[in-house]
Protein backbone atom coordinates (compact mmCIF):
# COMPACT_ATOMS: atom_id res chain seq x y z
CA MET A 1 0.23 11.74 -14.64
CA THR A 2 1.91 11.14 -18.01
CA HIS A 3 0.87 14.21 -20.03
CA ALA A 4 3.80 16.25 -18.71
CA PRO A 5 7.55 15.65 -18.67
CA ARG A 6 8.65 13.35 -15.83
CA ASP A 7 10.54 16.12 -14.01
CA THR A 8 7.39 18.26 -14.05
CA THR A 9 5.32 15.41 -12.66
CA THR A 10 7.91 14.72 -9.97
CA ALA A 11 7.93 18.38 -8.97
CA ALA A 12 4.11 18.43 -8.80
CA LEU A 13 4.07 15.34 -6.57
CA ALA A 14 6.62 16.98 -4.29
CA THR A 15 4.06 19.69 -3.39
CA ALA A 16 2.40 17.02 -1.17
CA ALA A 17 5.52 17.14 1.04
CA ASP A 18 6.58 20.00 3.30
CA TRP A 19 7.68 22.67 0.84
CA GLU A 20 9.47 24.91 3.33
CA LEU A 21 11.54 22.16 4.92
CA GLU A 22 11.77 19.59 2.11
CA GLY A 23 10.52 20.60 -1.34
CA CYS A 24 12.30 23.92 -1.62
CA ASP A 25 15.61 22.11 -1.06
CA GLY A 26 14.92 19.79 -4.00
CA ALA A 27 13.57 16.86 -1.99
CA SER A 28 11.24 14.54 -3.92
CA PHE A 29 9.28 11.53 -2.69
CA VAL A 30 12.06 9.34 -4.07
CA SER A 31 14.72 11.11 -1.99
CA LEU A 32 12.48 11.23 1.09
CA ASN A 33 11.83 7.51 0.92
CA ALA A 34 15.53 6.97 0.32
CA ARG A 35 16.20 8.82 3.56
CA LEU A 36 13.77 6.55 5.39
CA MET A 37 15.19 3.39 3.82
CA ALA A 38 18.79 4.33 4.59
CA LEU A 39 17.89 5.11 8.23
CA TYR A 40 16.01 1.84 8.57
CA MET A 41 18.90 -0.18 7.16
CA ASP A 42 21.38 1.58 9.44
CA THR A 43 19.18 1.32 12.55
CA TYR A 44 18.18 -2.31 12.18
CA GLY A 45 21.20 -3.65 10.33
CA VAL A 46 19.42 -4.85 7.20
CA ALA A 47 20.56 -4.83 3.60
CA ALA A 48 18.91 -3.41 0.49
CA HIS A 49 18.06 -6.86 -0.83
CA ASP A 50 15.97 -7.54 2.25
CA PHE A 51 13.25 -5.37 0.73
CA ALA A 52 13.16 -7.27 -2.56
CA HIS A 53 10.42 -9.78 -1.72
CA PHE A 54 7.79 -7.02 -1.43
CA ALA A 55 8.47 -5.93 -5.03
CA ILE A 56 8.78 -9.48 -6.31
CA ASN A 57 5.42 -10.39 -4.76
CA ALA A 58 3.68 -7.33 -6.26
CA HIS A 59 4.97 -8.06 -9.71
CA ALA A 60 3.96 -11.70 -9.50
CA ASN A 61 0.40 -10.69 -8.63
CA ALA A 62 0.21 -8.05 -11.35
CA LEU A 63 0.91 -10.67 -14.00
CA HIS A 64 -2.63 -11.97 -13.61
CA ASN A 65 -4.30 -8.55 -13.38
CA PRO A 66 -5.34 -7.31 -16.84
CA HIS A 67 -5.61 -3.77 -15.46
CA ALA A 68 -2.04 -3.71 -14.04
CA PHE A 69 0.47 -1.33 -15.65
CA LEU A 70 3.53 -3.60 -15.25
CA HIS A 71 3.18 -7.14 -16.54
CA LYS A 72 6.83 -7.93 -15.87
CA ARG A 73 8.04 -10.79 -13.72
CA LEU A 74 10.63 -9.69 -11.22
CA ASP A 75 13.31 -11.83 -9.60
CA MET A 76 16.12 -11.12 -7.14
CA GLU A 77 18.75 -10.68 -9.84
CA THR A 78 16.64 -8.17 -11.75
CA TYR A 79 15.85 -6.34 -8.50
CA LEU A 80 19.50 -6.09 -7.48
CA ASN A 81 20.60 -4.96 -10.93
CA SER A 82 17.94 -2.28 -11.35
CA ARG A 83 19.33 1.21 -11.47
CA VAL A 84 19.63 3.33 -8.36
CA LEU A 85 17.26 6.29 -8.25
CA VAL A 86 18.52 7.81 -4.99
CA GLU A 87 20.72 5.56 -2.82
CA PRO A 88 19.58 3.11 -1.56
CA VAL A 89 16.24 3.19 -3.43
CA LYS A 90 16.38 1.30 -6.69
CA LEU A 91 13.98 1.48 -9.60
CA CYS A 92 12.39 -1.74 -8.37
CA ASP A 93 11.70 -0.20 -4.96
CA ALA A 94 9.49 2.50 -6.45
CA PRO A 95 6.13 2.71 -8.27
CA PRO A 96 5.78 3.66 -11.93
CA ILE A 97 4.33 6.96 -12.99
CA CYS A 98 1.13 6.07 -14.85
CA ASP A 99 -2.47 7.02 -15.50
CA GLY A 100 -5.51 5.26 -14.15
CA ALA A 101 -9.10 5.54 -13.00
CA ALA A 102 -11.28 3.65 -10.57
CA ALA A 103 -14.79 3.89 -9.16
CA ILE A 104 -16.88 2.42 -6.42
CA LEU A 105 -20.59 2.57 -5.65
CA LEU A 106 -21.66 3.29 -2.08
CA ALA A 107 -25.20 2.75 -0.82
CA SER A 108 -27.00 2.60 2.49
CA ALA A 109 -27.56 -0.85 3.97
CA ALA A 110 -31.29 -0.60 3.19
CA VAL A 111 -30.73 0.28 -0.45
CA ALA A 112 -27.88 -2.23 -0.93
CA ARG A 113 -29.91 -5.15 0.44
CA HIS A 114 -32.80 -4.48 -1.94
CA ALA A 115 -30.82 -3.61 -5.03
CA PRO A 116 -30.34 -6.30 -7.66
CA ARG A 117 -26.91 -7.87 -7.44
CA ALA A 118 -25.27 -9.40 -10.48
CA GLY A 119 -24.58 -13.05 -9.92
CA GLY A 120 -25.93 -12.85 -6.37
CA LEU A 121 -22.64 -11.45 -5.06
CA PRO A 122 -22.40 -10.90 -1.31
CA LEU A 123 -22.54 -7.40 0.07
CA VAL A 124 -19.37 -5.72 1.28
CA ARG A 125 -19.77 -3.46 4.28
CA VAL A 126 -17.54 -0.53 5.24
CA ARG A 127 -17.31 -1.60 8.86
CA ALA A 128 -14.85 1.04 10.03
CA SER A 129 -13.07 4.14 8.71
CA ALA A 130 -10.48 6.27 10.45
CA ILE A 131 -7.80 8.83 9.74
CA GLY A 132 -4.47 9.40 11.44
CA THR A 133 -2.03 12.27 10.93
CA ASP A 134 1.60 13.12 11.65
CA SER A 135 4.02 15.90 10.89
CA LEU A 136 4.18 16.61 7.17
CA ALA A 137 7.99 16.92 7.25
CA LEU A 138 10.10 13.93 8.33
CA ALA A 139 12.17 16.26 10.51
CA GLY A 140 9.12 17.09 12.65
CA ARG A 141 8.42 13.54 13.72
CA THR A 142 9.12 12.10 17.13
CA ASN A 143 10.27 8.81 15.63
CA THR A 144 11.15 9.02 11.96
CA LEU A 145 10.93 5.22 11.59
CA GLN A 146 7.44 4.96 12.94
CA LEU A 147 4.50 5.84 10.70
CA GLU A 148 2.58 7.38 13.59
CA GLY A 149 -0.29 8.44 11.32
CA ALA A 150 -0.67 4.83 10.12
CA ALA A 151 -0.47 3.48 13.67
CA ILE A 152 -3.17 5.87 14.87
CA SER A 153 -5.39 5.21 11.85
CA SER A 154 -4.99 1.42 12.26
CA HIS A 155 -5.69 1.48 15.99
CA ARG A 156 -8.85 3.48 15.43
CA VAL A 157 -10.31 1.20 12.78
CA TYR A 158 -9.51 -1.88 14.85
CA GLN A 159 -11.40 -0.34 17.77
CA GLN A 160 -14.35 0.68 15.65
CA ALA A 161 -14.64 -2.74 14.05
CA GLY A 162 -13.92 -4.69 17.22
CA VAL A 163 -11.10 -6.67 15.58
CA GLY A 164 -7.32 -6.82 15.69
CA PRO A 165 -4.47 -7.58 13.30
CA GLN A 166 -5.00 -11.30 13.96
CA ASN A 167 -8.46 -11.08 12.37
CA ILE A 168 -7.41 -9.51 9.10
CA ASP A 169 -7.50 -11.81 6.04
CA LEU A 170 -5.77 -9.45 3.58
CA PHE A 171 -4.10 -6.08 3.78
CA GLU A 172 -4.18 -3.73 0.81
CA LEU A 173 -1.46 -1.37 1.94
CA HIS A 174 0.11 1.68 0.35
CA ASP A 175 3.17 0.00 -1.12
CA ALA A 176 4.44 2.98 -3.09
CA TYR A 177 7.97 2.16 -1.89
CA THR A 178 9.23 -1.03 -0.36
CA ILE A 179 10.32 0.87 2.76
CA ILE A 180 6.74 2.07 3.23
CA THR A 181 5.55 -1.54 2.95
CA ALA A 182 7.81 -2.55 5.83
CA LEU A 183 6.82 0.48 7.96
CA SER A 184 3.13 -0.05 7.23
CA LEU A 185 3.26 -3.69 8.35
CA GLU A 186 4.79 -2.50 11.61
CA ALA A 187 2.39 0.40 12.13
CA ALA A 188 -0.69 -1.78 11.53
CA GLY A 189 0.47 -4.29 14.11
CA PHE A 190 1.61 -7.17 11.92
CA ALA A 191 5.30 -6.87 12.80
CA LYS A 192 7.44 -5.34 15.52
CA PRO A 193 9.70 -2.36 14.79
CA GLY A 194 12.60 -3.46 12.62
CA GLU A 195 10.93 -6.74 11.72
CA GLY A 196 8.54 -5.49 9.03
CA VAL A 197 11.19 -5.83 6.37
CA HIS A 198 11.40 -9.57 7.00
CA PHE A 199 7.64 -10.16 7.13
CA GLY A 200 6.49 -12.41 4.34
CA LYS A 201 9.86 -13.72 3.20
CA GLU A 202 8.54 -17.25 3.64
CA GLY A 203 5.41 -16.57 1.63
CA ALA A 204 3.01 -15.02 4.17
CA ILE A 205 2.28 -12.07 1.91
CA ALA A 206 1.56 -14.20 -1.19
CA ILE A 207 -1.93 -14.85 -2.62
CA ASP A 208 -2.05 -18.13 -0.67
CA GLY A 209 -0.28 -16.75 2.42
CA THR A 210 -1.60 -15.85 5.83
CA LEU A 211 -1.64 -12.11 5.12
CA PRO A 212 -1.83 -11.42 1.36
CA ILE A 213 -0.81 -7.92 0.32
CA SER A 214 -0.70 -6.12 -3.03
CA THR A 215 -3.05 -8.83 -4.29
CA MET A 216 -3.60 -7.24 -7.70
CA GLY A 217 -0.09 -5.84 -8.03
CA GLY A 218 -0.33 -2.96 -5.58
CA LEU A 219 0.96 0.52 -6.25
CA LYS A 220 4.26 -1.04 -7.16
CA ALA A 221 3.12 -3.00 -10.23
CA ARG A 222 -0.63 -2.35 -10.79
CA GLY A 223 0.41 1.30 -10.82
CA HIS A 224 0.10 4.44 -8.71
CA PRO A 225 -1.98 7.07 -10.52
CA VAL A 226 -2.26 8.94 -7.17
CA GLY A 227 -5.81 10.29 -7.39
CA ALA A 228 -7.27 6.86 -8.24
CA THR A 229 -5.00 4.84 -6.03
CA GLY A 230 -7.07 4.73 -2.85
CA VAL A 231 -10.20 3.81 -4.80
CA TYR A 232 -8.29 1.11 -6.66
CA GLN A 233 -7.37 -0.45 -3.30
CA LEU A 234 -11.05 -0.49 -2.22
CA VAL A 235 -12.13 -1.99 -5.55
CA GLU A 236 -9.54 -4.74 -5.25
CA ALA A 237 -10.49 -5.53 -1.64
CA TYR A 238 -14.13 -5.68 -2.80
CA GLN A 239 -13.16 -8.17 -5.50
CA GLN A 240 -11.36 -10.33 -2.97
CA LEU A 241 -14.25 -10.29 -0.49
CA THR A 242 -16.81 -11.14 -3.22
CA GLY A 243 -14.73 -13.91 -4.76
CA THR A 244 -14.35 -12.10 -8.06
CA ALA A 245 -10.55 -11.57 -8.10
CA GLY A 246 -10.01 -14.34 -10.66
CA ALA A 247 -6.52 -15.83 -10.76
CA ASN A 248 -5.55 -13.51 -7.89
CA GLN A 249 -8.30 -14.71 -5.55
CA THR A 250 -7.19 -15.29 -1.97
CA LYS A 251 -8.65 -18.10 0.18
CA ASP A 252 -12.09 -17.26 1.51
CA PRO A 253 -11.36 -13.75 2.89
CA LYS A 254 -13.97 -12.21 5.21
CA ILE A 255 -12.20 -9.11 6.60
CA ALA A 256 -9.92 -6.76 4.69
CA LEU A 257 -7.83 -3.81 5.88
CA VAL A 258 -7.33 -1.09 3.27
CA GLN A 259 -4.86 1.73 3.96
CA ASN A 260 -3.99 4.76 1.85
CA ILE A 261 -1.18 7.22 2.65
CA GLY A 262 -0.69 10.87 1.79
CA GLY A 263 2.83 12.22 1.70
CA THR A 264 5.40 10.08 3.45
CA GLY A 265 2.89 9.21 6.13
CA ALA A 266 1.43 12.63 7.06
CA THR A 267 -2.19 11.59 6.37
CA VAL A 268 -3.29 7.97 6.59
CA VAL A 269 -6.82 6.74 5.97
CA SER A 270 -7.78 3.17 6.89
CA HIS A 271 -10.91 1.22 6.17
CA ILE A 272 -12.01 -2.23 7.33
CA LEU A 273 -14.28 -3.98 4.89
CA THR A 274 -16.26 -7.11 5.71
CA ARG A 275 -18.14 -9.63 3.62
CA GLU A 276 -21.82 -10.04 4.37
CA ALA A 277 -24.46 -12.44 3.08
C-alpha cells in the first residue's frame, strides 16, 4: 500500500468502485464516503462531531495494541481540528494508508480437537458465514443510506447461527470511515436507521461496553492494509474469544460477529465465531 505515491494508491483503490459511474469522474472512496456522510447528516439532522466517538474509541483501543499503526490518542478537539479531506469527511474520519499482513489457521473439527493447543486455549468455531451484495455504484441503490449488502449478510449469518443481535458479545465491523460504522451498526440490527451515529456515545462500544467494536483499533487506527484487513478482523475476534487480547480483552465474550466490506457496501461478508471448550 505504501510503495507507490499516495495519489497512485488512491487511484488503485478507486478501481473497486464503479468505474463507469464513479471512478471515471474522479470519485475516490474518500469522496464517496463524504457523499454518504453528507446525505446522512442532512437526512437525520446530525452534525459532523456526532461521528467523533467512533474514531476516539478506535484510537483508544489501538494504544494498547502493539501491532496497531496509529498509537495516537484522539480527543474531540483534535478530531474537530483535523483537516478536511472532502467535506464533511475529516482526516480523523478516515483510515490510514498502511501495510500489513495477517494469517489464520483453519482446520476441521476433528483435526482441531486432537491438535495440541498452546496453553490449552479454547477452540473457536466458524459457526456461520454469509455474503450479501448490492449495487456497486451508490446511484444504483434503492436506499443510499441503507447498506443492503450488510443487512442481507447479517440476516443470513444470524439465521445460520440461530442467534440475533442481542446475542452478540462483540462486533468487529468494517470501520474504514465513521459513516460506515454508523451504517453498519444499523444494517446489522444494533440501531434503527438514523440512530447508528449515536450508538455507543455513552460507552457501549468501549472495551467494557455492551457491544465492543474496533477492539484492537479497527481499520481506523490499527490500520487498513486492504488485503489483510478481513483476516486481521478474524484474528482479533479469535484473540477476544480465547482470552488472549491482553489489555484490550473484553469481558468473557462467547459470540463474535465479524464483518468485512468491499467497495462502499457492494460486497459484504459476515462471519459468526463462537468459543468452544
